[in-house]
């Protein structure tokens, strides 16, 4: 009987939601960046006609969709993907590092609010934990 990995299913759903929020900023514009806490610098750049925040949002959104696909494959919903288990571990490491190292990253990205850092780091930490548990549950 097929029993999908619950942690990886939840991870996939969270990745898709996060990707959708990144893509929504393309439509919402500066207000979307402000609402999601990306900072006044990004919002002002969009208002000034700078497309770099949008490019970043699209790149991050597509990365999140690839991660969602890996999570779904690891959960058994999609066919096996190349290097699936190592990639799931790598995703977990990247997410957990981002969540734990936010105090070191915060001075580099000065435009982001403290609220953004706390909320995003918490969600990213949970997401990393889900990927880690899902990868550990896999055989092999």
C-alpha atoms as a PDB file:
ATOM      1  CA  UNK A   1       0.000   0.000   0.000  1.00  0.00           C
ATOM      2  CA  UNK A   2       1.285   3.469  -0.926  1.00  0.00           C
ATOM      3  CA  UNK A   3       1.975   5.738   2.046  1.00  0.00           C
ATOM      4  CA  UNK A   4       3.417   9.102   1.047  1.00  0.00           C
ATOM      5  CA  UNK A   5       5.874  10.911   3.278  1.00  0.00           C
ATOM      6  CA  UNK A   6       3.800  13.376   5.290  1.00  0.00           C
ATOM      7  CA  UNK A   7       6.753  15.716   6.060  1.00  0.00           C
ATOM      8  CA  UNK A   8       7.695  15.952   2.381  1.00  0.00           C
ATOM      9  CA  UNK A   9       4.064  16.543   1.358  1.00  0.00           C
ATOM     10  CA  UNK A  10       3.849  19.437   3.817  1.00  0.00           C
ATOM     11  CA  UNK A  11       7.243  20.712   2.609  1.00  0.00           C
ATOM     12  CA  UNK A  12       6.001  20.656  -0.989  1.00  0.00           C
ATOM     13  CA  UNK A  13       2.845  22.586  -0.068  1.00  0.00           C
ATOM     14  CA  UNK A  14       4.866  25.193   1.833  1.00  0.00           C
ATOM     15  CA  UNK A  15       7.297  25.562  -1.088  1.00  0.00           C
ATOM     16  CA  UNK A  16       4.431  26.106  -3.524  1.00  0.00           C
ATOM     17  CA  UNK A  17       2.850  28.702  -1.212  1.00  0.00           C
ATOM     18  CA  UNK A  18       6.187  30.496  -0.814  1.00  0.00           C
ATOM     19  CA  UNK A  19       6.743  30.427  -4.586  1.00  0.00           C
ATOM     20  CA  UNK A  20       3.257  31.829  -5.172  1.00  0.00           C
ATOM     21  CA  UNK A  21       3.967  34.683  -2.751  1.00  0.00           C
ATOM     22  CA  UNK A  22       7.200  35.478  -4.583  1.00  0.00           C
ATOM     23  CA  UNK A  23       5.397  35.455  -7.937  1.00  0.00           C
ATOM     24  CA  UNK A  24       2.545  37.537  -6.496  1.00  0.00           C
ATOM     25  CA  UNK A  25       4.995  40.372  -5.913  1.00  0.00           C
ATOM     26  CA  UNK A  26       5.209  40.713  -9.695  1.00  0.00           C
ATOM     27  CA  UNK A  27       1.518  41.587  -9.693  1.00  0.00           C
ATOM     28  CA  UNK A  28       1.268  43.401  -6.360  1.00  0.00           C
ATOM     29  CA  UNK A  29       4.356  45.496  -7.041  1.00  0.00           C
ATOM     30  CA  UNK A  30       5.867  47.625  -4.294  1.00  0.00           C
ATOM     31  CA  UNK A  31       2.872  47.055  -2.013  1.00  0.00           C
ATOM     32  CA  UNK A  32       3.489  43.304  -2.166  1.00  0.00           C
ATOM     33  CA  UNK A  33       7.125  43.659  -1.200  1.00  0.00           C
ATOM     34  CA  UNK A  34       6.140  45.911   1.701  1.00  0.00           C
ATOM     35  CA  UNK A  35       3.361  43.562   2.829  1.00  0.00           C
ATOM     36  CA  UNK A  36       5.709  40.561   2.821  1.00  0.00           C
ATOM     37  CA  UNK A  37       8.366  42.523   4.721  1.00  0.00           C
ATOM     38  CA  UNK A  38      11.010  42.551   1.999  1.00  0.00           C
ATOM     39  CA  UNK A  39      11.883  46.092   2.955  1.00  0.00           C
ATOM     40  CA  UNK A  40      11.516  49.628   1.778  1.00  0.00           C
ATOM     41  CA  UNK A  41      14.641  49.350  -0.371  1.00  0.00           C
ATOM     42  CA  UNK A  42      13.049  46.671  -2.582  1.00  0.00           C
ATOM     43  CA  UNK A  43       9.703  48.488  -2.692  1.00  0.00           C
ATOM     44  CA  UNK A  44      11.337  51.797  -3.598  1.00  0.00           C
ATOM     45  CA  UNK A  45      13.390  50.076  -6.300  1.00  0.00           C
ATOM     46  CA  UNK A  46      10.216  48.703  -7.888  1.00  0.00           C
ATOM     47  CA  UNK A  47       8.543  52.112  -7.693  1.00  0.00           C
ATOM     48  CA  UNK A  48      11.594  53.591  -9.429  1.00  0.00           C
ATOM     49  CA  UNK A  49      11.255  51.097 -12.290  1.00  0.00           C
ATOM     50  CA  UNK A  50      14.073  48.789 -11.209  1.00  0.00           C
ATOM     51  CA  UNK A  51      13.323  45.172 -12.181  1.00  0.00           C
ATOM     52  CA  UNK A  52      16.024  43.560 -10.007  1.00  0.00           C
ATOM     53  CA  UNK A  53      13.661  42.788  -7.097  1.00  0.00           C
ATOM     54  CA  UNK A  54      11.278  41.135  -9.570  1.00  0.00           C
ATOM     55  CA  UNK A  55      14.115  39.096 -11.076  1.00  0.00           C
ATOM     56  CA  UNK A  56      15.130  37.948  -7.598  1.00  0.00           C
ATOM     57  CA  UNK A  57      11.528  37.051  -6.772  1.00  0.00           C
ATOM     58  CA  UNK A  58      11.196  34.984  -9.959  1.00  0.00           C
ATOM     59  CA  UNK A  59      14.491  33.152  -9.380  1.00  0.00           C
ATOM     60  CA  UNK A  60      13.582  32.327  -5.778  1.00  0.00           C
ATOM     61  CA  UNK A  61      10.065  31.309  -6.866  1.00  0.00           C
ATOM     62  CA  UNK A  62      11.399  28.871  -9.460  1.00  0.00           C
ATOM     63  CA  UNK A  63      13.929  27.410  -7.009  1.00  0.00           C
ATOM     64  CA  UNK A  64      11.066  26.837  -4.559  1.00  0.00           C
ATOM     65  CA  UNK A  65       9.051  25.071  -7.282  1.00  0.00           C
ATOM     66  CA  UNK A  66      11.991  22.772  -8.055  1.00  0.00           C
ATOM     67  CA  UNK A  67      12.273  22.022  -4.341  1.00  0.00           C
ATOM     68  CA  UNK A  68       8.540  21.298  -4.221  1.00  0.00           C
ATOM     69  CA  UNK A  69       8.957  18.844  -7.097  1.00  0.00           C
ATOM     70  CA  UNK A  70      11.780  17.095  -5.250  1.00  0.00           C
ATOM     71  CA  UNK A  71       9.648  16.947  -2.103  1.00  0.00           C
ATOM     72  CA  UNK A  72       6.747  15.431  -4.056  1.00  0.00           C
ATOM     73  CA  UNK A  73       9.090  12.911  -5.675  1.00  0.00           C
ATOM     74  CA  UNK A  74      10.556  12.029  -2.290  1.00  0.00           C
ATOM     75  CA  UNK A  75       7.037  11.633  -0.946  1.00  0.00           C
ATOM     76  CA  UNK A  76       6.266   9.181  -3.754  1.00  0.00           C
ATOM     77  CA  UNK A  77       3.731  11.409  -5.487  1.00  0.00           C
ATOM     78  CA  UNK A  78       5.966  12.151  -8.506  1.00  0.00           C
ATOM     79  CA  UNK A  79       8.469   9.818 -10.201  1.00  0.00           C
ATOM     80  CA  UNK A  80      11.943   9.531  -8.692  1.00  0.00           C
ATOM     81  CA  UNK A  81      14.206  12.457  -9.563  1.00  0.00           C
ATOM     82  CA  UNK A  82      17.987  12.435 -10.108  1.00  0.00           C
ATOM     83  CA  UNK A  83      20.046  12.255  -6.905  1.00  0.00           C
ATOM     84  CA  UNK A  84      16.813  12.581  -4.968  1.00  0.00           C
ATOM     85  CA  UNK A  85      17.943  11.737  -1.437  1.00  0.00           C
ATOM     86  CA  UNK A  86      21.183  13.783  -1.550  1.00  0.00           C
ATOM     87  CA  UNK A  87      19.303  16.722  -3.056  1.00  0.00           C
ATOM     88  CA  UNK A  88      16.665  16.534  -0.310  1.00  0.00           C
ATOM     89  CA  UNK A  89      19.445  16.581   2.297  1.00  0.00           C
ATOM     90  CA  UNK A  90      21.103  19.517   0.518  1.00  0.00           C
ATOM     91  CA  UNK A  91      17.814  21.446   0.466  1.00  0.00           C
ATOM     92  CA  UNK A  92      17.408  20.755   4.190  1.00  0.00           C
ATOM     93  CA  UNK A  93      20.940  22.015   4.905  1.00  0.00           C
ATOM     94  CA  UNK A  94      20.424  25.195   2.856  1.00  0.00           C
ATOM     95  CA  UNK A  95      17.117  25.956   4.567  1.00  0.00           C
ATOM     96  CA  UNK A  96      18.340  25.191   8.077  1.00  0.00           C
ATOM     97  CA  UNK A  97      21.489  27.260   7.518  1.00  0.00           C
ATOM     98  CA  UNK A  98      19.404  30.194   6.271  1.00  0.00           C
ATOM     99  CA  UNK A  99      17.104  29.915   9.281  1.00  0.00           C
ATOM    100  CA  UNK A 100      19.904  29.686  11.841  1.00  0.00           C
ATOM    101  CA  UNK A 101      22.274  32.212  10.286  1.00  0.00           C
ATOM    102  CA  UNK A 102      19.795  35.058   9.878  1.00  0.00           C
ATOM    103  CA  UNK A 103      21.584  37.186  12.513  1.00  0.00           C
ATOM    104  CA  UNK A 104      24.676  37.099  10.289  1.00  0.00           C
ATOM    105  CA  UNK A 105      22.678  37.702   7.105  1.00  0.00           C
ATOM    106  CA  UNK A 106      20.576  40.543   8.485  1.00  0.00           C
ATOM    107  CA  UNK A 107      23.330  43.214   8.267  1.00  0.00           C
ATOM    108  CA  UNK A 108      23.881  42.323   4.605  1.00  0.00           C
ATOM    109  CA  UNK A 109      20.181  42.762   3.724  1.00  0.00           C
ATOM    110  CA  UNK A 110      19.505  45.920   5.709  1.00  0.00           C
ATOM    111  CA  UNK A 111      16.193  46.766   4.069  1.00  0.00           C
ATOM    112  CA  UNK A 112      14.347  43.770   5.488  1.00  0.00           C
ATOM    113  CA  UNK A 113      12.356  44.318   8.649  1.00  0.00           C
ATOM    114  CA  UNK A 114      12.978  42.413  11.875  1.00  0.00           C
ATOM    115  CA  UNK A 115       9.457  41.012  11.487  1.00  0.00           C
ATOM    116  CA  UNK A 116      10.455  39.648   8.064  1.00  0.00           C
ATOM    117  CA  UNK A 117      13.582  37.994   9.493  1.00  0.00           C
ATOM    118  CA  UNK A 118      11.807  36.410  12.449  1.00  0.00           C
ATOM    119  CA  UNK A 119       8.815  35.112  10.502  1.00  0.00           C
ATOM    120  CA  UNK A 120      10.734  33.988   7.425  1.00  0.00           C
ATOM    121  CA  UNK A 121      13.480  32.338   9.472  1.00  0.00           C
ATOM    122  CA  UNK A 122      10.908  30.453  11.547  1.00  0.00           C
ATOM    123  CA  UNK A 123       9.030  29.222   8.480  1.00  0.00           C
ATOM    124  CA  UNK A 124      12.270  28.377   6.675  1.00  0.00           C
ATOM    125  CA  UNK A 125      13.508  26.488   9.733  1.00  0.00           C
ATOM    126  CA  UNK A 126      10.329  24.404   9.848  1.00  0.00           C
ATOM    127  CA  UNK A 127      10.618  23.793   6.112  1.00  0.00           C
ATOM    128  CA  UNK A 128      14.235  22.676   6.475  1.00  0.00           C
ATOM    129  CA  UNK A 129      13.260  20.336   9.311  1.00  0.00           C
ATOM    130  CA  UNK A 130      10.495  18.814   7.145  1.00  0.00           C
ATOM    131  CA  UNK A 131      12.950  18.197   4.295  1.00  0.00           C
ATOM    132  CA  UNK A 132      15.440  16.664   6.735  1.00  0.00           C
ATOM    133  CA  UNK A 133      12.867  14.340   8.325  1.00  0.00           C
ATOM    134  CA  UNK A 134      11.535  13.358   4.898  1.00  0.00           C
ATOM    135  CA  UNK A 135      15.014  12.588   3.583  1.00  0.00           C
ATOM    136  CA  UNK A 136      15.826  10.542   6.695  1.00  0.00           C
ATOM    137  CA  UNK A 137      12.621   8.528   6.258  1.00  0.00           C
ATOM    138  CA  UNK A 138      13.604   7.447   2.755  1.00  0.00           C
ATOM    139  CA  UNK A 139      15.171   4.027   2.268  1.00  0.00           C
ATOM    140  CA  UNK A 140      18.743   3.939   1.129  1.00  0.00           C
END
